[in-house]
Amino acid sequence: MGFTLTSKILRRSSSKGKNDEIVIPRGHFSVYVGDTQFKKKFVVPISYLNHS
């Protein structure tokens, strides 16, 4: 599992210069990665946070 599935798990939202609000679907959360100049937003399903 690990990092090999991340490209299949995460959906990236494009936010290049747009101030439009992006609605996160119910059951998902957003993660911002990077610094202020190269910040990227990922939408992740909460089901991937299963703690077993």
N, C-alpha and C. Protein backbone atom coordinates (compact mmCIF):
# COMPACT_ATOMS: atom_id res chain seq x y z
N MET A 1 0.85 -1.16 0.00
CA MET A 1 0.00 0.00 0.00
C MET A 1 0.91 1.23 0.00
N GLY A 2 1.01 1.95 1.07
CA GLY A 2 1.93 3.07 1.22
C GLY A 2 1.77 4.15 0.17
N PHE A 3 2.90 4.55 -0.40
CA PHE A 3 2.91 5.67 -1.33
C PHE A 3 2.57 5.28 -2.76
N THR A 4 2.52 4.00 -3.06
CA THR A 4 2.26 3.60 -4.44
C THR A 4 0.83 3.86 -4.86
N LEU A 5 -0.12 3.89 -3.92
CA LEU A 5 -1.52 4.11 -4.26
C LEU A 5 -1.96 5.56 -4.14
N THR A 6 -1.06 6.45 -3.73
CA THR A 6 -1.49 7.82 -3.48
C THR A 6 -2.03 8.50 -4.72
N SER A 7 -1.49 8.18 -5.89
CA SER A 7 -2.00 8.82 -7.10
C SER A 7 -3.41 8.36 -7.41
N LYS A 8 -3.78 7.15 -7.00
CA LYS A 8 -5.13 6.65 -7.22
C LYS A 8 -6.09 7.12 -6.13
N ILE A 9 -5.58 7.36 -4.93
CA ILE A 9 -6.43 7.73 -3.79
C ILE A 9 -6.78 9.21 -3.81
N LEU A 10 -5.82 10.05 -4.07
CA LEU A 10 -6.02 11.49 -3.95
C LEU A 10 -6.49 12.10 -5.26
N ARG A 11 -7.43 13.02 -5.15
CA ARG A 11 -7.86 13.80 -6.30
C ARG A 11 -7.40 15.22 -6.09
N ARG A 12 -6.65 15.75 -7.04
CA ARG A 12 -6.13 17.10 -6.88
C ARG A 12 -7.11 18.11 -7.45
N SER A 13 -7.31 19.19 -6.72
CA SER A 13 -8.15 20.30 -7.18
C SER A 13 -7.24 21.41 -7.65
N SER A 14 -7.50 21.91 -8.83
CA SER A 14 -6.69 22.99 -9.37
C SER A 14 -7.13 24.31 -8.75
N SER A 15 -6.18 25.06 -8.23
CA SER A 15 -6.51 26.36 -7.65
C SER A 15 -5.51 27.41 -8.11
N LYS A 16 -5.15 27.40 -9.38
CA LYS A 16 -4.17 28.34 -9.92
C LYS A 16 -4.82 29.70 -10.14
N GLY A 17 -4.65 30.59 -9.19
CA GLY A 17 -5.14 31.94 -9.33
C GLY A 17 -6.63 32.13 -9.18
N LYS A 18 -7.37 31.11 -8.85
CA LYS A 18 -8.81 31.23 -8.71
C LYS A 18 -9.17 31.46 -7.24
N ASN A 19 -10.11 32.34 -7.00
CA ASN A 19 -10.61 32.57 -5.66
C ASN A 19 -11.97 31.94 -5.47
N ASP A 20 -12.42 31.13 -6.42
CA ASP A 20 -13.71 30.47 -6.32
C ASP A 20 -13.67 29.43 -5.20
N GLU A 21 -14.76 29.35 -4.47
CA GLU A 21 -14.86 28.35 -3.42
C GLU A 21 -15.08 26.99 -4.04
N ILE A 22 -14.29 26.02 -3.63
CA ILE A 22 -14.46 24.66 -4.10
C ILE A 22 -15.19 23.89 -3.00
N VAL A 23 -16.32 23.32 -3.34
CA VAL A 23 -17.12 22.59 -2.36
C VAL A 23 -16.54 21.19 -2.20
N ILE A 24 -16.23 20.84 -0.96
CA ILE A 24 -15.73 19.51 -0.65
C ILE A 24 -16.93 18.60 -0.44
N PRO A 25 -16.98 17.47 -1.16
CA PRO A 25 -18.13 16.57 -1.00
C PRO A 25 -18.23 16.02 0.42
N ARG A 26 -19.43 15.70 0.84
CA ARG A 26 -19.63 15.12 2.16
C ARG A 26 -18.87 13.81 2.25
N GLY A 27 -18.21 13.59 3.38
CA GLY A 27 -17.42 12.37 3.56
C GLY A 27 -15.99 12.51 3.07
N HIS A 28 -15.57 13.72 2.75
CA HIS A 28 -14.21 13.98 2.29
C HIS A 28 -13.63 15.14 3.10
N PHE A 29 -12.31 15.30 3.05
CA PHE A 29 -11.66 16.46 3.64
C PHE A 29 -10.54 16.91 2.72
N SER A 30 -10.13 18.15 2.85
CA SER A 30 -9.09 18.67 1.98
C SER A 30 -7.78 18.81 2.74
N VAL A 31 -6.69 18.62 2.01
CA VAL A 31 -5.35 18.74 2.55
C VAL A 31 -4.57 19.66 1.62
N TYR A 32 -3.92 20.66 2.19
CA TYR A 32 -3.06 21.54 1.41
C TYR A 32 -1.62 21.11 1.61
N VAL A 33 -0.88 20.97 0.50
CA VAL A 33 0.50 20.51 0.54
C VAL A 33 1.37 21.53 -0.18
N GLY A 34 2.49 21.90 0.42
CA GLY A 34 3.42 22.81 -0.21
C GLY A 34 3.46 24.16 0.48
N ASP A 35 4.35 25.02 -0.03
CA ASP A 35 4.45 26.36 0.54
C ASP A 35 3.48 27.29 -0.18
N THR A 36 3.54 28.56 0.15
CA THR A 36 2.54 29.51 -0.36
C THR A 36 2.58 29.66 -1.87
N GLN A 37 3.74 29.53 -2.48
CA GLN A 37 3.85 29.72 -3.92
C GLN A 37 3.39 28.49 -4.70
N PHE A 38 3.64 27.31 -4.19
CA PHE A 38 3.32 26.07 -4.89
C PHE A 38 2.34 25.20 -4.11
N LYS A 39 1.35 25.82 -3.50
CA LYS A 39 0.39 25.08 -2.69
C LYS A 39 -0.56 24.28 -3.57
N LYS A 40 -0.79 23.00 -3.23
CA LYS A 40 -1.73 22.16 -3.95
C LYS A 40 -2.76 21.62 -2.97
N LYS A 41 -3.97 21.47 -3.44
CA LYS A 41 -5.07 21.00 -2.61
C LYS A 41 -5.47 19.60 -3.05
N PHE A 42 -5.59 18.69 -2.10
CA PHE A 42 -6.01 17.33 -2.36
C PHE A 42 -7.29 17.05 -1.60
N VAL A 43 -8.21 16.34 -2.22
CA VAL A 43 -9.47 15.95 -1.59
C VAL A 43 -9.39 14.45 -1.32
N VAL A 44 -9.52 14.07 -0.03
CA VAL A 44 -9.33 12.69 0.40
C VAL A 44 -10.61 12.18 1.05
N PRO A 45 -11.06 10.98 0.68
CA PRO A 45 -12.23 10.40 1.35
C PRO A 45 -11.91 10.05 2.81
N ILE A 46 -12.84 10.30 3.70
CA ILE A 46 -12.63 10.00 5.12
C ILE A 46 -12.49 8.50 5.35
N SER A 47 -13.03 7.69 4.47
CA SER A 47 -12.94 6.23 4.64
C SER A 47 -11.49 5.74 4.63
N TYR A 48 -10.56 6.53 4.09
CA TYR A 48 -9.15 6.14 4.09
C TYR A 48 -8.49 6.37 5.44
N LEU A 49 -9.20 6.97 6.41
CA LEU A 49 -8.64 7.23 7.73
C LEU A 49 -8.98 6.13 8.73
N ASN A 50 -9.35 4.97 8.26
CA ASN A 50 -9.70 3.85 9.14
C ASN A 50 -8.51 3.50 10.02
N HIS A 51 -8.71 3.53 11.31
CA HIS A 51 -7.64 3.23 12.27
C HIS A 51 -7.89 1.84 12.84
N SER A 52 -7.19 0.86 12.27
CA SER A 52 -7.37 -0.53 12.73
C SER A 52 -6.06 -1.11 13.18
